[in-house]
Amino acid sequence: MPEKQAFTLADIFAAREQTGKLYHEFLRVPSMSVGLYQLEVGASDPQPPHTEDELYYIVQGRGQLQVAQEHIAVEPGSLVFVPANMEHRFHSITEALSVLVFFAPAEYSQRR
């Protein structure tokens, strides 16, 4: 069981800021993991395909998410599902993106 089961966006944003990394995982159990991913305007998204299913929830910002050959406009409130092992990448970021990322099962747990 995780030590904490309730979170605020303010705390998650502050914790991610302290790490200085683009992605900050704040919850991990075997069946899922969740983190905050942030990309600045014009940034390149370095992520490779993951071995787990993902659900992206756009908290703030605007841009595009390429999933396979499809380009999807994202903005606050957008939800996009990306199946495991599928190429995907944020691009054309016009307002800094803050994205909650839900992995099921937990990120990298299916890597062989």
Protein backbone atom coordinates (compact mmCIF):
# COMPACT_ATOMS: atom_id res chain seq x y z
CA MET A 1 0.00 0.00 0.00
CA PRO A 2 1.32 3.48 -0.76
CA GLU A 3 2.07 5.54 2.33
CA LYS A 4 -0.23 8.33 1.11
CA GLN A 5 -3.47 7.88 -0.79
CA ALA A 6 -4.65 11.49 -1.13
CA PHE A 7 -2.87 14.10 -3.22
CA THR A 8 -3.30 17.73 -4.26
CA LEU A 9 -2.19 19.12 -7.60
CA ALA A 10 -0.26 21.83 -5.75
CA ASP A 11 1.79 19.21 -3.88
CA ILE A 12 2.35 17.15 -7.03
CA PHE A 13 3.49 20.22 -9.00
CA ALA A 14 5.87 21.22 -6.18
CA ALA A 15 7.34 17.73 -5.92
CA ARG A 16 7.92 17.55 -9.69
CA GLU A 17 9.55 20.98 -9.62
CA GLN A 18 11.95 19.82 -6.90
CA THR A 19 13.12 16.86 -9.01
CA GLY A 20 13.90 19.03 -12.04
CA LYS A 21 12.76 16.14 -14.26
CA LEU A 22 10.02 16.22 -16.90
CA TYR A 23 8.14 13.33 -15.23
CA HIS A 24 7.43 12.78 -11.54
CA GLU A 25 5.72 9.57 -10.46
CA PHE A 26 3.70 10.10 -7.29
CA LEU A 27 1.78 6.82 -6.98
CA ARG A 28 2.88 3.25 -7.68
CA VAL A 29 1.08 0.02 -6.88
CA PRO A 30 1.35 -3.19 -8.95
CA SER A 31 -1.87 -2.53 -10.88
CA MET A 32 -1.10 1.08 -11.84
CA SER A 33 1.19 4.07 -11.53
CA VAL A 34 0.49 7.78 -11.90
CA GLY A 35 2.74 10.74 -12.52
CA LEU A 36 2.89 14.35 -13.65
CA TYR A 37 4.55 15.07 -16.99
CA GLN A 38 5.41 18.66 -17.93
CA LEU A 39 6.65 20.04 -21.25
CA GLU A 40 7.41 23.67 -22.05
CA VAL A 41 6.33 25.55 -25.20
CA GLY A 42 8.27 24.23 -28.19
CA ALA A 43 9.79 21.32 -26.22
CA SER A 44 10.62 17.96 -27.76
CA ASP A 45 8.93 14.98 -26.16
CA PRO A 46 11.65 12.34 -25.59
CA GLN A 47 9.45 9.47 -24.42
CA PRO A 48 9.56 6.07 -26.14
CA PRO A 49 6.53 3.77 -26.40
CA HIS A 50 5.68 2.14 -23.08
CA THR A 51 4.94 -1.52 -22.44
CA GLU A 52 1.78 -0.57 -20.52
CA ASP A 53 -1.49 1.10 -21.47
CA GLU A 54 -1.58 4.85 -20.70
CA LEU A 55 -4.27 7.43 -20.13
CA TYR A 56 -3.26 11.09 -20.45
CA TYR A 57 -5.30 13.79 -18.72
CA ILE A 58 -4.34 17.34 -19.74
CA VAL A 59 -4.39 19.56 -16.64
CA GLN A 60 -3.13 22.69 -18.40
CA GLY A 61 -1.61 23.76 -21.68
CA ARG A 62 -2.22 23.18 -25.38
CA GLY A 63 -0.53 21.18 -28.08
CA GLN A 64 -0.81 18.08 -30.19
CA LEU A 65 -0.39 14.42 -29.34
CA GLN A 66 0.59 12.11 -32.16
CA VAL A 67 -0.65 8.56 -31.57
CA ALA A 68 0.53 6.28 -34.38
CA GLN A 69 -0.39 8.34 -37.48
CA GLU A 70 -3.14 10.41 -35.85
CA HIS A 71 -2.57 13.94 -34.50
CA ILE A 72 -4.90 14.88 -31.65
CA ALA A 73 -5.32 18.46 -30.38
CA VAL A 74 -5.08 18.52 -26.58
CA GLU A 75 -6.13 21.19 -24.10
CA PRO A 76 -7.22 21.31 -20.45
CA GLY A 77 -9.73 18.54 -19.82
CA SER A 78 -8.61 16.35 -22.75
CA LEU A 79 -8.27 12.63 -22.07
CA VAL A 80 -6.37 10.40 -24.52
CA PHE A 81 -5.84 6.64 -24.24
CA VAL A 82 -2.64 5.18 -25.74
CA PRO A 83 -2.38 1.38 -25.99
CA ALA A 84 0.78 -0.38 -24.85
CA ASN A 85 3.73 -0.34 -27.28
CA MET A 86 2.18 2.30 -29.55
CA GLU A 87 4.37 5.15 -30.83
CA HIS A 88 3.18 8.48 -29.44
CA ARG A 89 4.62 11.93 -28.82
CA PHE A 90 3.50 15.41 -27.78
CA HIS A 91 4.43 18.12 -30.28
CA SER A 92 3.48 21.63 -31.43
CA ILE A 93 3.16 22.75 -27.80
CA THR A 94 1.76 26.28 -27.80
CA GLU A 95 1.09 26.56 -24.03
CA ALA A 96 3.20 24.67 -21.47
CA LEU A 97 1.66 21.23 -20.89
CA SER A 98 0.98 19.66 -17.50
CA VAL A 99 -0.30 16.13 -17.95
CA LEU A 100 -1.38 13.48 -15.46
CA VAL A 101 -0.27 10.11 -16.81
CA PHE A 102 -1.97 6.92 -15.64
CA PHE A 103 -0.22 3.61 -16.46
CA ALA A 104 -1.92 0.24 -16.09
CA PRO A 105 -0.31 -1.89 -14.90
CA ALA A 106 2.48 0.18 -13.30
CA GLU A 107 4.97 1.80 -15.69
CA TYR A 108 7.73 -0.57 -16.89
CA SER A 109 6.23 -3.53 -15.04
CA GLN A 110 5.66 -5.32 -18.37
CA ARG A 111 9.17 -4.66 -19.75
CA ARG A 112 11.04 -7.87 -20.52
